[in-house]
Amino acid sequence: MSSIGERLREIRNQRGLNQGEFGSLAGVTKRTQMLYESDQRLPKADYLALLDAEGVDVGYVLTGRRDAAPGESDHQLSEVGGVYRVEDDAVAVKMYDVEGAAGHGRSLEEERVAGVLQFPASQLSALGLSPDHLAGVKVRGDSMEETLADGDWVLVNRADTDYRQEGVFLLLVSGERRIKRVQRLAGGALYLISDNDHYEPEMIPPEQMREVQILGRCEVRIGRIA
């Protein structure tokens, strides 16, 4: 059976595109496309989502199985255990109408499901993610640019709250939800870092840690290409 990289190369060749041209469809460089096609790196969910928008059969890329012909199956949306299931190999992750402030913190006034984003279950599994623990949150503010832009969506893995491994997290600080790069300091303090260097880092001393709750690690960015 062919690999993910081989299937990506097959689709690219069918479209008559070079690696740079095909990669630009999904917002990656020629080198990243080359790494995907050589199976040195697994494609990320935002890359696959953009290819899906270009009409690429992402299910085939991930599994080697072609999608059913239109009208061949009935795609009913049902909720099982808190996860919306669309078909046997697809799940739809809830996208919440909440704001994870990436500038100065903002209080949340409302939490409701704004919609769902469908992913093949095998795609999430390849990324080491479980749909049962994923939630989509909209980004507000510019402090995480160029990593995250105002209006982007991020998929948050609520099962991963281990900030000892540095990364970008959704966290609650004094009742305000923020998205920041989190770094653990000696003595138990936290460093909240903005990727936009116009914003100063913020230190949370150990005595204020009770005001902080790590809600999950930000795993996947979904946004427009500038």
N, C-alpha and C. Protein backbone atom coordinates (compact mmCIF):
# COMPACT_ATOMS: atom_id res chain seq x y z
N MET A 1 0.85 -1.20 0.00
CA MET A 1 0.00 0.00 0.00
C MET A 1 0.89 1.25 0.00
N SER A 2 0.48 2.28 -0.73
CA SER A 2 1.28 3.50 -0.80
C SER A 2 1.21 4.26 0.51
N SER A 3 2.19 5.16 0.70
CA SER A 3 2.25 5.97 1.91
C SER A 3 1.52 7.29 1.70
N ILE A 4 1.36 8.06 2.79
CA ILE A 4 0.74 9.38 2.68
C ILE A 4 1.54 10.26 1.72
N GLY A 5 2.86 10.23 1.85
CA GLY A 5 3.70 11.05 0.98
C GLY A 5 3.57 10.68 -0.48
N GLU A 6 3.51 9.38 -0.75
CA GLU A 6 3.36 8.92 -2.13
C GLU A 6 2.02 9.34 -2.71
N ARG A 7 0.97 9.32 -1.89
CA ARG A 7 -0.35 9.72 -2.38
C ARG A 7 -0.40 11.23 -2.62
N LEU A 8 0.28 12.00 -1.76
CA LEU A 8 0.35 13.45 -2.01
C LEU A 8 1.07 13.73 -3.33
N ARG A 9 2.16 13.02 -3.57
CA ARG A 9 2.90 13.21 -4.82
C ARG A 9 2.06 12.82 -6.03
N GLU A 10 1.31 11.72 -5.87
CA GLU A 10 0.42 11.27 -6.96
C GLU A 10 -0.60 12.35 -7.31
N ILE A 11 -1.24 12.94 -6.29
CA ILE A 11 -2.25 13.97 -6.52
C ILE A 11 -1.62 15.21 -7.13
N ARG A 12 -0.44 15.58 -6.62
CA ARG A 12 0.24 16.77 -7.18
C ARG A 12 0.56 16.57 -8.65
N ASN A 13 1.07 15.39 -9.00
CA ASN A 13 1.41 15.12 -10.39
C ASN A 13 0.18 15.11 -11.27
N GLN A 14 -0.94 14.60 -10.74
CA GLN A 14 -2.18 14.60 -11.51
C GLN A 14 -2.63 16.01 -11.85
N ARG A 15 -2.29 16.96 -10.98
CA ARG A 15 -2.67 18.35 -11.21
C ARG A 15 -1.62 19.12 -12.02
N GLY A 16 -0.51 18.46 -12.30
CA GLY A 16 0.53 19.10 -13.11
C GLY A 16 1.24 20.23 -12.41
N LEU A 17 1.38 20.14 -11.09
CA LEU A 17 2.02 21.19 -10.31
C LEU A 17 3.35 20.73 -9.76
N ASN A 18 4.29 21.69 -9.60
CA ASN A 18 5.53 21.35 -8.91
C ASN A 18 5.30 21.46 -7.40
N GLN A 19 6.31 21.10 -6.62
CA GLN A 19 6.13 21.07 -5.16
C GLN A 19 5.84 22.45 -4.59
N GLY A 20 6.48 23.48 -5.12
CA GLY A 20 6.23 24.83 -4.63
C GLY A 20 4.81 25.28 -4.91
N GLU A 21 4.32 25.00 -6.12
CA GLU A 21 2.97 25.41 -6.51
C GLU A 21 1.92 24.66 -5.69
N PHE A 22 2.12 23.35 -5.52
CA PHE A 22 1.14 22.57 -4.76
C PHE A 22 1.15 22.98 -3.29
N GLY A 23 2.35 23.19 -2.73
CA GLY A 23 2.45 23.60 -1.34
C GLY A 23 1.77 24.93 -1.09
N SER A 24 1.85 25.84 -2.05
CA SER A 24 1.23 27.15 -1.86
C SER A 24 -0.28 27.07 -1.77
N LEU A 25 -0.88 26.01 -2.33
CA LEU A 25 -2.33 25.83 -2.21
C LEU A 25 -2.74 25.67 -0.75
N ALA A 26 -1.82 25.10 0.05
CA ALA A 26 -2.14 24.82 1.45
C ALA A 26 -1.24 25.60 2.41
N GLY A 27 -0.60 26.65 1.90
CA GLY A 27 0.13 27.57 2.78
C GLY A 27 1.44 27.05 3.33
N VAL A 28 2.12 26.13 2.62
CA VAL A 28 3.42 25.66 3.08
C VAL A 28 4.48 25.93 2.02
N THR A 29 5.73 25.86 2.43
CA THR A 29 6.83 26.10 1.51
C THR A 29 7.12 24.86 0.67
N LYS A 30 7.93 25.05 -0.37
CA LYS A 30 8.35 23.92 -1.20
C LYS A 30 9.08 22.88 -0.37
N ARG A 31 9.91 23.33 0.58
CA ARG A 31 10.65 22.37 1.42
C ARG A 31 9.70 21.55 2.29
N THR A 32 8.69 22.20 2.88
CA THR A 32 7.73 21.46 3.70
C THR A 32 6.97 20.44 2.85
N GLN A 33 6.57 20.85 1.64
CA GLN A 33 5.90 19.91 0.74
C GLN A 33 6.80 18.72 0.44
N MET A 34 8.07 18.99 0.24
CA MET A 34 9.03 17.92 -0.04
C MET A 34 9.12 16.96 1.15
N LEU A 35 9.14 17.50 2.38
CA LEU A 35 9.20 16.65 3.57
C LEU A 35 7.95 15.80 3.69
N TYR A 36 6.78 16.37 3.37
CA TYR A 36 5.55 15.59 3.41
C TYR A 36 5.59 14.45 2.39
N GLU A 37 6.04 14.76 1.18
CA GLU A 37 6.02 13.76 0.11
C GLU A 37 7.05 12.66 0.34
N SER A 38 8.11 12.97 1.08
CA SER A 38 9.13 11.96 1.36
C SER A 38 8.86 11.23 2.68
N ASP A 39 7.71 11.52 3.29
CA ASP A 39 7.30 10.88 4.55
C ASP A 39 8.27 11.16 5.70
N GLN A 40 8.98 12.29 5.61
CA GLN A 40 9.84 12.70 6.71
C GLN A 40 9.06 13.50 7.75
N ARG A 41 7.86 13.95 7.37
CA ARG A 41 7.02 14.71 8.29
C ARG A 41 5.56 14.44 7.93
N LEU A 42 4.70 14.29 8.96
CA LEU A 42 3.27 14.10 8.71
C LEU A 42 2.61 15.45 8.44
N PRO A 43 1.73 15.50 7.44
CA PRO A 43 1.03 16.77 7.18
C PRO A 43 0.14 17.17 8.34
N LYS A 44 0.06 18.49 8.59
CA LYS A 44 -0.73 19.02 9.69
C LYS A 44 -2.18 19.21 9.25
N ALA A 45 -3.05 19.32 10.25
CA ALA A 45 -4.48 19.39 9.97
C ALA A 45 -4.86 20.64 9.18
N ASP A 46 -4.23 21.78 9.47
CA ASP A 46 -4.60 22.99 8.73
C ASP A 46 -4.19 22.88 7.26
N TYR A 47 -3.06 22.23 6.99
CA TYR A 47 -2.62 21.96 5.62
C TYR A 47 -3.65 21.11 4.90
N LEU A 48 -4.09 20.03 5.56
CA LEU A 48 -5.07 19.13 4.95
C LEU A 48 -6.42 19.82 4.75
N ALA A 49 -6.80 20.66 5.71
CA ALA A 49 -8.08 21.38 5.59
C ALA A 49 -8.07 22.30 4.37
N LEU A 50 -6.94 22.96 4.11
CA LEU A 50 -6.84 23.84 2.95
C LEU A 50 -6.84 23.05 1.66
N LEU A 51 -6.18 21.87 1.66
CA LEU A 51 -6.23 21.02 0.47
C LEU A 51 -7.66 20.55 0.21
N ASP A 52 -8.37 20.23 1.29
CA ASP A 52 -9.77 19.81 1.14
C ASP A 52 -10.58 20.91 0.47
N ALA A 53 -10.31 22.17 0.87
CA ALA A 53 -11.02 23.30 0.26
C ALA A 53 -10.69 23.45 -1.22
N GLU A 54 -9.53 22.90 -1.64
CA GLU A 54 -9.13 22.95 -3.05
C GLU A 54 -9.63 21.73 -3.82
N GLY A 55 -10.44 20.91 -3.15
CA GLY A 55 -11.02 19.76 -3.84
C GLY A 55 -10.20 18.49 -3.78
N VAL A 56 -9.13 18.47 -2.97
CA VAL A 56 -8.31 17.28 -2.82
C VAL A 56 -9.03 16.28 -1.92
N ASP A 57 -9.00 15.01 -2.29
CA ASP A 57 -9.62 13.95 -1.50
C ASP A 57 -8.71 13.64 -0.32
N VAL A 58 -8.91 14.35 0.80
CA VAL A 58 -8.05 14.21 1.96
C VAL A 58 -8.18 12.82 2.58
N GLY A 59 -9.37 12.25 2.52
CA GLY A 59 -9.55 10.90 3.03
C GLY A 59 -8.64 9.91 2.31
N TYR A 60 -8.52 10.08 0.99
CA TYR A 60 -7.62 9.22 0.22
C TYR A 60 -6.17 9.45 0.61
N VAL A 61 -5.80 10.71 0.80
CA VAL A 61 -4.42 11.02 1.20
C VAL A 61 -4.05 10.28 2.49
N LEU A 62 -4.97 10.27 3.44
CA LEU A 62 -4.67 9.71 4.76
C LEU A 62 -4.83 8.20 4.82
N THR A 63 -5.78 7.65 4.10
CA THR A 63 -6.11 6.23 4.27
C THR A 63 -5.86 5.38 3.03
N GLY A 64 -5.75 6.01 1.86
CA GLY A 64 -5.62 5.24 0.63
C GLY A 64 -6.95 4.79 0.07
N ARG A 65 -8.06 5.19 0.74
CA ARG A 65 -9.40 4.82 0.27
C ARG A 65 -10.07 6.03 -0.35
N ARG A 66 -10.67 5.81 -1.49
CA ARG A 66 -11.35 6.89 -2.19
C ARG A 66 -12.69 7.18 -1.52
N ASP A 67 -13.11 8.47 -1.56
CA ASP A 67 -14.43 8.84 -1.07
C ASP A 67 -15.51 8.16 -1.90
N ALA A 68 -16.66 7.90 -1.28
CA ALA A 68 -17.80 7.37 -2.01
C ALA A 68 -18.29 8.41 -3.00
N ALA A 69 -18.90 7.94 -4.07
CA ALA A 69 -19.45 8.84 -5.07
C ALA A 69 -20.57 9.65 -4.46
N PRO A 70 -20.80 10.89 -4.95
CA PRO A 70 -21.88 11.71 -4.42
C PRO A 70 -23.21 10.96 -4.45
N GLY A 71 -23.94 11.01 -3.35
CA GLY A 71 -25.23 10.36 -3.26
C GLY A 71 -25.16 8.90 -2.89
N GLU A 72 -23.93 8.34 -2.80
CA GLU A 72 -23.79 6.92 -2.51
C GLU A 72 -24.04 6.62 -1.05
N SER A 73 -23.76 7.60 -0.18
CA SER A 73 -23.98 7.37 1.25
C SER A 73 -24.72 8.55 1.84
N ASP A 74 -25.38 8.31 2.94
CA ASP A 74 -26.17 9.34 3.62
C ASP A 74 -25.37 9.84 4.80
N HIS A 75 -24.90 11.09 4.75
CA HIS A 75 -24.05 11.63 5.80
C HIS A 75 -24.93 12.32 6.84
N GLN A 76 -25.39 11.60 7.82
CA GLN A 76 -26.20 12.16 8.89
C GLN A 76 -25.31 12.61 10.04
N LEU A 77 -25.56 13.79 10.57
CA LEU A 77 -24.79 14.33 11.69
C LEU A 77 -25.47 13.91 12.99
N SER A 78 -24.75 13.14 13.80
CA SER A 78 -25.30 12.70 15.08
C SER A 78 -24.26 12.91 16.16
N GLU A 79 -24.72 13.07 17.38
CA GLU A 79 -23.81 13.32 18.50
C GLU A 79 -23.72 12.05 19.35
N VAL A 80 -22.50 11.59 19.55
CA VAL A 80 -22.25 10.39 20.36
C VAL A 80 -21.17 10.73 21.38
N GLY A 81 -21.51 10.69 22.65
CA GLY A 81 -20.51 10.96 23.69
C GLY A 81 -19.89 12.34 23.60
N GLY A 82 -20.68 13.33 23.15
CA GLY A 82 -20.17 14.69 23.07
C GLY A 82 -19.45 15.00 21.78
N VAL A 83 -19.31 14.00 20.88
CA VAL A 83 -18.64 14.21 19.60
C VAL A 83 -19.64 14.03 18.48
N TYR A 84 -19.69 14.98 17.54
CA TYR A 84 -20.57 14.86 16.40
C TYR A 84 -19.94 13.91 15.38
N ARG A 85 -20.60 12.81 15.05
CA ARG A 85 -20.06 11.84 14.11
C ARG A 85 -20.82 11.96 12.79
N VAL A 86 -20.06 12.10 11.71
CA VAL A 86 -20.66 12.33 10.40
C VAL A 86 -20.77 11.03 9.62
N GLU A 87 -19.74 10.20 9.64
CA GLU A 87 -19.75 8.92 8.97
C GLU A 87 -18.72 8.06 9.68
N ASP A 88 -18.51 6.84 9.18
CA ASP A 88 -17.68 5.89 9.89
C ASP A 88 -16.28 6.42 10.18
N ASP A 89 -15.67 7.11 9.22
CA ASP A 89 -14.30 7.57 9.43
C ASP A 89 -14.23 9.08 9.54
N ALA A 90 -15.29 9.72 9.96
CA ALA A 90 -15.26 11.17 10.07
C ALA A 90 -15.92 11.61 11.37
N VAL A 91 -15.34 12.65 11.96
CA VAL A 91 -15.94 13.27 13.14
C VAL A 91 -15.95 14.78 12.90
N ALA A 92 -16.83 15.45 13.58
CA ALA A 92 -16.92 16.90 13.44
C ALA A 92 -16.64 17.52 14.80
N VAL A 93 -15.57 18.27 14.88
CA VAL A 93 -15.14 18.90 16.13
C VAL A 93 -15.95 20.17 16.36
N LYS A 94 -16.44 20.34 17.56
CA LYS A 94 -17.22 21.53 17.89
C LYS A 94 -16.34 22.78 17.88
N MET A 95 -16.84 23.83 17.22
CA MET A 95 -16.17 25.11 17.19
C MET A 95 -16.98 26.07 18.06
N TYR A 96 -16.38 26.51 19.16
CA TYR A 96 -17.12 27.30 20.15
C TYR A 96 -17.05 28.79 19.85
N ASP A 97 -18.15 29.43 20.07
CA ASP A 97 -18.25 30.87 19.88
C ASP A 97 -17.75 31.58 21.14
N VAL A 98 -16.45 31.37 21.38
CA VAL A 98 -15.80 32.03 22.51
C VAL A 98 -14.53 32.68 21.99
N GLU A 99 -13.98 33.56 22.75
CA GLU A 99 -12.79 34.29 22.32
C GLU A 99 -11.62 33.95 23.21
N GLY A 100 -10.57 33.39 22.62
CA GLY A 100 -9.32 33.22 23.34
C GLY A 100 -8.46 34.42 23.02
N ALA A 101 -8.37 35.36 23.92
CA ALA A 101 -7.71 36.62 23.62
C ALA A 101 -6.22 36.41 23.46
N ALA A 102 -5.67 36.84 22.32
CA ALA A 102 -4.24 36.75 22.07
C ALA A 102 -3.60 38.13 22.20
N GLY A 103 -4.38 39.10 22.66
CA GLY A 103 -3.84 40.40 23.01
C GLY A 103 -4.01 40.52 24.51
N HIS A 104 -4.54 41.61 24.99
CA HIS A 104 -4.88 41.71 26.40
C HIS A 104 -6.10 40.82 26.65
N GLY A 105 -6.19 40.22 27.82
CA GLY A 105 -7.24 39.25 28.11
C GLY A 105 -8.64 39.84 27.99
N ARG A 106 -9.56 39.01 27.56
CA ARG A 106 -10.97 39.42 27.49
C ARG A 106 -11.80 38.40 28.26
N SER A 107 -12.80 38.90 28.97
CA SER A 107 -13.71 38.00 29.66
C SER A 107 -14.65 37.36 28.65
N LEU A 108 -15.04 36.12 28.94
CA LEU A 108 -15.99 35.43 28.08
C LEU A 108 -17.41 35.69 28.57
N GLU A 109 -18.26 36.10 27.66
CA GLU A 109 -19.64 36.40 28.02
C GLU A 109 -20.59 35.26 27.63
N GLU A 110 -20.15 34.45 26.69
CA GLU A 110 -21.06 33.43 26.18
C GLU A 110 -20.26 32.27 25.61
N GLU A 111 -20.75 31.06 25.83
CA GLU A 111 -20.12 29.89 25.24
C GLU A 111 -21.19 29.07 24.55
N ARG A 112 -21.16 29.06 23.24
CA ARG A 112 -22.12 28.27 22.47
C ARG A 112 -21.39 27.67 21.27
N VAL A 113 -21.93 26.62 20.74
CA VAL A 113 -21.33 25.98 19.57
C VAL A 113 -21.71 26.78 18.33
N ALA A 114 -20.70 27.34 17.66
CA ALA A 114 -20.94 28.14 16.46
C ALA A 114 -21.08 27.25 15.23
N GLY A 115 -20.53 26.06 15.30
CA GLY A 115 -20.58 25.14 14.16
C GLY A 115 -19.66 23.96 14.43
N VAL A 116 -19.42 23.18 13.40
CA VAL A 116 -18.54 22.04 13.51
C VAL A 116 -17.60 22.02 12.31
N LEU A 117 -16.41 21.43 12.50
CA LEU A 117 -15.45 21.26 11.41
C LEU A 117 -15.18 19.78 11.29
N GLN A 118 -15.38 19.22 10.10
CA GLN A 118 -15.26 17.79 9.91
C GLN A 118 -13.81 17.38 9.64
N PHE A 119 -13.40 16.30 10.29
CA PHE A 119 -12.08 15.71 10.07
C PHE A 119 -12.23 14.21 9.94
N PRO A 120 -11.48 13.57 9.04
CA PRO A 120 -11.39 12.10 9.10
C PRO A 120 -10.78 11.68 10.43
N ALA A 121 -11.37 10.67 11.06
CA ALA A 121 -10.84 10.20 12.34
C ALA A 121 -9.40 9.76 12.21
N SER A 122 -9.05 9.17 11.06
CA SER A 122 -7.67 8.70 10.86
C SER A 122 -6.69 9.87 10.79
N GLN A 123 -7.18 11.02 10.29
CA GLN A 123 -6.34 12.21 10.22
C GLN A 123 -5.97 12.68 11.62
N LEU A 124 -6.97 12.74 12.48
CA LEU A 124 -6.70 13.16 13.86
C LEU A 124 -5.81 12.16 14.57
N SER A 125 -6.04 10.87 14.32
CA SER A 125 -5.23 9.84 14.95
C SER A 125 -3.78 9.95 14.52
N ALA A 126 -3.54 10.27 13.25
CA ALA A 126 -2.17 10.44 12.76
C ALA A 126 -1.46 11.59 13.45
N LEU A 127 -2.23 12.57 13.90
CA LEU A 127 -1.68 13.71 14.62
C LEU A 127 -1.61 13.47 16.11
N GLY A 128 -2.06 12.29 16.55
CA GLY A 128 -2.05 11.98 17.98
C GLY A 128 -3.12 12.69 18.76
N LEU A 129 -4.24 13.02 18.09
CA LEU A 129 -5.32 13.77 18.73
C LEU A 129 -6.59 12.95 18.78
N SER A 130 -7.34 13.10 19.86
CA SER A 130 -8.63 12.44 20.01
C SER A 130 -9.74 13.49 19.88
N PRO A 131 -10.74 13.24 19.04
CA PRO A 131 -11.82 14.22 18.87
C PRO A 131 -12.59 14.46 20.15
N ASP A 132 -12.58 13.48 21.06
CA ASP A 132 -13.31 13.64 22.32
C ASP A 132 -12.74 14.78 23.17
N HIS A 133 -11.49 15.14 22.92
CA HIS A 133 -10.83 16.15 23.75
C HIS A 133 -10.51 17.43 22.98
N LEU A 134 -11.04 17.57 21.76
CA LEU A 134 -10.74 18.74 20.95
C LEU A 134 -11.88 19.76 21.01
N ALA A 135 -11.51 21.02 20.98
CA ALA A 135 -12.47 22.11 20.89
C ALA A 135 -11.87 23.22 20.05
N GLY A 136 -12.68 23.82 19.19
CA GLY A 136 -12.22 24.95 18.40
C GLY A 136 -12.53 26.25 19.11
N VAL A 137 -11.56 27.16 19.12
CA VAL A 137 -11.72 28.46 19.78
C VAL A 137 -11.20 29.54 18.84
N LYS A 138 -11.92 30.65 18.75
CA LYS A 138 -11.49 31.76 17.89
C LYS A 138 -10.49 32.64 18.62
N VAL A 139 -9.49 33.10 17.88
CA VAL A 139 -8.44 33.97 18.42
C VAL A 139 -8.83 35.43 18.24
N ARG A 140 -8.59 36.23 19.28
CA ARG A 140 -8.79 37.67 19.19
C ARG A 140 -7.52 38.38 19.63
N GLY A 141 -7.13 39.40 18.89
CA GLY A 141 -5.94 40.15 19.24
C GLY A 141 -4.76 39.78 18.36
N ASP A 142 -3.67 40.53 18.50
CA ASP A 142 -2.52 40.35 17.62
C ASP A 142 -1.24 39.95 18.34
N SER A 143 -1.32 39.63 19.63
CA SER A 143 -0.07 39.42 20.37
C SER A 143 0.62 38.12 20.02
N MET A 144 -0.08 37.17 19.34
CA MET A 144 0.58 35.92 18.97
C MET A 144 0.99 35.88 17.50
N GLU A 145 0.87 37.00 16.78
CA GLU A 145 1.37 37.04 15.41
C GLU A 145 2.89 36.88 15.43
N GLU A 146 3.49 36.13 14.55
CA GLU A 146 2.97 35.55 13.34
C GLU A 146 2.41 34.14 13.55
N THR A 147 2.42 33.64 14.73
CA THR A 147 1.92 32.28 14.98
C THR A 147 0.42 32.21 14.80
N LEU A 148 -0.31 33.15 15.41
CA LEU A 148 -1.77 33.19 15.33
C LEU A 148 -2.20 34.62 15.05
N ALA A 149 -3.17 34.75 14.16
CA ALA A 149 -3.67 36.08 13.81
C ALA A 149 -5.08 36.27 14.33
N ASP A 150 -5.48 37.52 14.49
CA ASP A 150 -6.83 37.84 14.91
C ASP A 150 -7.83 37.22 13.94
N GLY A 151 -8.80 36.48 14.47
CA GLY A 151 -9.81 35.84 13.63
C GLY A 151 -9.50 34.40 13.28
N ASP A 152 -8.27 33.93 13.54
CA ASP A 152 -7.96 32.53 13.32
C ASP A 152 -8.77 31.65 14.26
N TRP A 153 -8.90 30.38 13.89
CA TRP A 153 -9.43 29.36 14.80
C TRP A 153 -8.28 28.45 15.19
N VAL A 154 -8.31 27.98 16.42
CA VAL A 154 -7.33 26.99 16.85
C VAL A 154 -8.06 25.79 17.43
N LEU A 155 -7.51 24.60 17.17
CA LEU A 155 -8.01 23.39 17.81
C LEU A 155 -7.21 23.17 19.08
N VAL A 156 -7.93 23.11 20.19
CA VAL A 156 -7.32 22.98 21.51
C VAL A 156 -7.49 21.55 22.01
N ASN A 157 -6.37 20.93 22.39
CA ASN A 157 -6.41 19.59 22.96
C ASN A 157 -6.57 19.71 24.46
N ARG A 158 -7.79 19.51 24.93
CA ARG A 158 -8.07 19.69 26.35
C ARG A 158 -7.48 18.59 27.21
N ALA A 159 -7.01 17.51 26.58
CA ALA A 159 -6.39 16.42 27.33
C ALA A 159 -4.94 16.72 27.68
N ASP A 160 -4.36 17.74 27.05
CA ASP A 160 -2.95 18.08 27.29
C ASP A 160 -2.86 19.42 28.00
N THR A 161 -2.66 19.38 29.30
CA THR A 161 -2.52 20.61 30.10
C THR A 161 -1.15 20.65 30.78
N ASP A 162 -0.21 19.85 30.28
CA ASP A 162 1.12 19.75 30.90
C ASP A 162 2.01 20.88 30.39
N TYR A 163 2.05 21.97 31.11
CA TYR A 163 2.83 23.14 30.67
C TYR A 163 4.32 22.97 30.94
N ARG A 164 4.72 21.83 31.53
CA ARG A 164 6.16 21.58 31.68
C ARG A 164 6.82 21.41 30.33
N GLN A 165 6.03 20.98 29.34
CA GLN A 165 6.49 20.94 27.96
C GLN A 165 6.05 22.24 27.30
N GLU A 166 7.01 23.10 27.00
CA GLU A 166 6.69 24.43 26.49
C GLU A 166 5.83 24.34 25.24
N GLY A 167 4.88 25.25 25.12
CA GLY A 167 4.02 25.30 23.95
C GLY A 167 3.03 26.44 24.08
N VAL A 168 2.09 26.50 23.13
CA VAL A 168 1.05 27.51 23.14
C VAL A 168 -0.20 26.89 23.76
N PHE A 169 -0.75 27.57 24.77
CA PHE A 169 -1.87 27.02 25.53
C PHE A 169 -3.03 28.00 25.58
N LEU A 170 -4.22 27.45 25.73
CA LEU A 170 -5.39 28.23 26.13
C LEU A 170 -5.47 28.14 27.64
N LEU A 171 -5.49 29.27 28.31
CA LEU A 171 -5.51 29.26 29.76
C LEU A 171 -6.43 30.34 30.30
N LEU A 172 -6.85 30.13 31.53
CA LEU A 172 -7.71 31.07 32.23
C LEU A 172 -6.88 31.76 33.29
N VAL A 173 -6.78 33.09 33.20
CA VAL A 173 -5.98 33.87 34.14
C VAL A 173 -6.89 34.90 34.78
N SER A 174 -7.14 34.74 36.08
CA SER A 174 -7.99 35.67 36.81
C SER A 174 -9.33 35.87 36.11
N GLY A 175 -9.91 34.78 35.61
CA GLY A 175 -11.22 34.84 34.97
C GLY A 175 -11.22 35.24 33.52
N GLU A 176 -10.04 35.48 32.94
CA GLU A 176 -9.94 35.88 31.54
C GLU A 176 -9.24 34.77 30.75
N ARG A 177 -9.80 34.44 29.58
CA ARG A 177 -9.25 33.37 28.77
C ARG A 177 -8.24 33.96 27.79
N ARG A 178 -7.07 33.36 27.77
CA ARG A 178 -5.98 33.86 26.93
C ARG A 178 -5.33 32.72 26.16
N ILE A 179 -4.69 33.07 25.07
CA ILE A 179 -3.83 32.14 24.34
C ILE A 179 -2.42 32.71 24.38
N LYS A 180 -1.53 31.96 25.01
CA LYS A 180 -0.16 32.42 25.17
C LYS A 180 0.82 31.26 25.08
N ARG A 181 2.06 31.57 24.77
CA ARG A 181 3.13 30.59 24.87
C ARG A 181 3.52 30.50 26.34
N VAL A 182 3.51 29.31 26.89
CA VAL A 182 3.72 29.13 28.32
C VAL A 182 5.08 28.47 28.57
N GLN A 183 5.82 29.04 29.49
CA GLN A 183 7.13 28.51 29.86
C GLN A 183 7.19 28.43 31.38
N ARG A 184 7.61 27.29 31.90
CA ARG A 184 7.72 27.09 33.35
C ARG A 184 9.09 27.56 33.82
N LEU A 185 9.09 28.36 34.88
CA LEU A 185 10.33 28.88 35.44
C LEU A 185 10.69 28.15 36.72
N ALA A 186 11.94 28.28 37.12
CA ALA A 186 12.39 27.68 38.37
C ALA A 186 11.59 28.27 39.53
N GLY A 187 11.23 27.41 40.48
CA GLY A 187 10.48 27.88 41.64
C GLY A 187 8.98 27.79 41.47
N GLY A 188 8.51 27.37 40.27
CA GLY A 188 7.09 27.18 40.06
C GLY A 188 6.37 28.33 39.41
N ALA A 189 7.09 29.39 39.03
CA ALA A 189 6.45 30.52 38.34
C ALA A 189 6.20 30.17 36.87
N LEU A 190 5.28 30.91 36.25
CA LEU A 190 5.00 30.74 34.83
C LEU A 190 5.35 32.01 34.08
N TYR A 191 5.84 31.83 32.86
CA TYR A 191 6.14 32.94 31.97
C TYR A 191 5.15 32.86 30.81
N LEU A 192 4.34 33.89 30.62
CA LEU A 192 3.39 33.95 29.52
C LEU A 192 3.99 34.83 28.43
N ILE A 193 4.27 34.23 27.29
CA ILE A 193 5.03 34.90 26.24
C ILE A 193 4.16 35.16 25.03
N SER A 194 4.23 36.37 24.50
CA SER A 194 3.57 36.72 23.25
C SER A 194 4.58 36.60 22.12
N ASP A 195 4.19 35.94 21.01
CA ASP A 195 5.11 35.80 19.88
C ASP A 195 5.31 37.12 19.15
N ASN A 196 4.41 38.06 19.32
CA ASN A 196 4.57 39.41 18.79
C ASN A 196 5.43 40.20 19.78
N ASP A 197 6.64 40.59 19.35
CA ASP A 197 7.57 41.21 20.30
C ASP A 197 7.17 42.62 20.73
N HIS A 198 6.03 43.12 20.24
CA HIS A 198 5.52 44.39 20.74
C HIS A 198 4.88 44.24 22.13
N TYR A 199 4.66 43.00 22.54
CA TYR A 199 4.05 42.73 23.84
C TYR A 199 5.10 42.17 24.79
N GLU A 200 5.14 42.70 25.99
CA GLU A 200 6.07 42.23 26.99
C GLU A 200 5.60 40.91 27.60
N PRO A 201 6.53 40.01 27.92
CA PRO A 201 6.14 38.78 28.62
C PRO A 201 5.56 39.11 29.99
N GLU A 202 4.75 38.19 30.49
CA GLU A 202 4.12 38.36 31.79
C GLU A 202 4.51 37.19 32.69
N MET A 203 4.93 37.48 33.90
CA MET A 203 5.30 36.42 34.82
C MET A 203 4.20 36.22 35.86
N ILE A 204 3.81 34.97 36.08
CA ILE A 204 2.85 34.62 37.12
C ILE A 204 3.63 33.99 38.27
N PRO A 205 3.78 34.69 39.41
CA PRO A 205 4.55 34.14 40.52
C PRO A 205 3.82 32.96 41.16
N PRO A 206 4.54 32.10 41.88
CA PRO A 206 3.93 30.90 42.48
C PRO A 206 2.73 31.21 43.36
N GLU A 207 2.76 32.32 44.07
CA GLU A 207 1.66 32.63 44.98
C GLU A 207 0.38 33.02 44.24
N GLN A 208 0.47 33.29 42.93
CA GLN A 208 -0.72 33.63 42.15
C GLN A 208 -1.17 32.49 41.24
N MET A 209 -0.52 31.33 41.35
CA MET A 209 -0.85 30.21 40.47
C MET A 209 -2.28 29.71 40.67
N ARG A 210 -2.86 29.94 41.83
CA ARG A 210 -4.24 29.50 42.05
C ARG A 210 -5.22 30.27 41.15
N GLU A 211 -4.77 31.39 40.57
CA GLU A 211 -5.62 32.17 39.67
C GLU A 211 -5.50 31.70 38.22
N VAL A 212 -4.64 30.69 38.00
CA VAL A 212 -4.36 30.23 36.63
C VAL A 212 -4.88 28.81 36.44
N GLN A 213 -5.58 28.58 35.34
CA GLN A 213 -6.02 27.24 34.97
C GLN A 213 -5.63 26.99 33.52
N ILE A 214 -4.84 25.92 33.29
CA ILE A 214 -4.47 25.54 31.93
C ILE A 214 -5.62 24.74 31.34
N LEU A 215 -6.19 25.22 30.24
CA LEU A 215 -7.37 24.60 29.65
C LEU A 215 -7.03 23.63 28.53
N GLY A 216 -5.86 23.76 27.93
CA GLY A 216 -5.47 22.83 26.87
C GLY A 216 -4.39 23.41 25.99
N ARG A 217 -3.73 22.52 25.27
CA ARG A 217 -2.66 22.92 24.36
C ARG A 217 -3.25 23.23 22.98
N CYS A 218 -2.81 24.34 22.40
CA CYS A 218 -3.24 24.72 21.05
C CYS A 218 -2.42 23.90 20.04
N GLU A 219 -3.12 23.07 19.28
CA GLU A 219 -2.43 22.12 18.41
C GLU A 219 -2.47 22.50 16.93
N VAL A 220 -3.58 23.05 16.47
CA VAL A 220 -3.76 23.26 15.04
C VAL A 220 -4.33 24.64 14.80
N ARG A 221 -3.72 25.38 13.87
CA ARG A 221 -4.22 26.69 13.47
C ARG A 221 -5.02 26.55 12.19
N ILE A 222 -6.16 27.22 12.14
CA ILE A 222 -6.97 27.27 10.93
C ILE A 222 -7.24 28.74 10.65
N GLY A 223 -6.68 29.23 9.57
CA GLY A 223 -6.84 30.65 9.27
C GLY A 223 -6.54 30.94 7.81
N ARG A 224 -6.74 32.18 7.44
CA ARG A 224 -6.52 32.61 6.07
C ARG A 224 -5.05 32.84 5.81
N ILE A 225 -4.64 32.62 4.58
CA ILE A 225 -3.27 32.90 4.16
C ILE A 225 -3.17 34.37 3.82
N ALA A 226 -2.20 35.05 4.44
CA ALA A 226 -2.06 36.50 4.21
C ALA A 226 -1.57 36.77 2.80
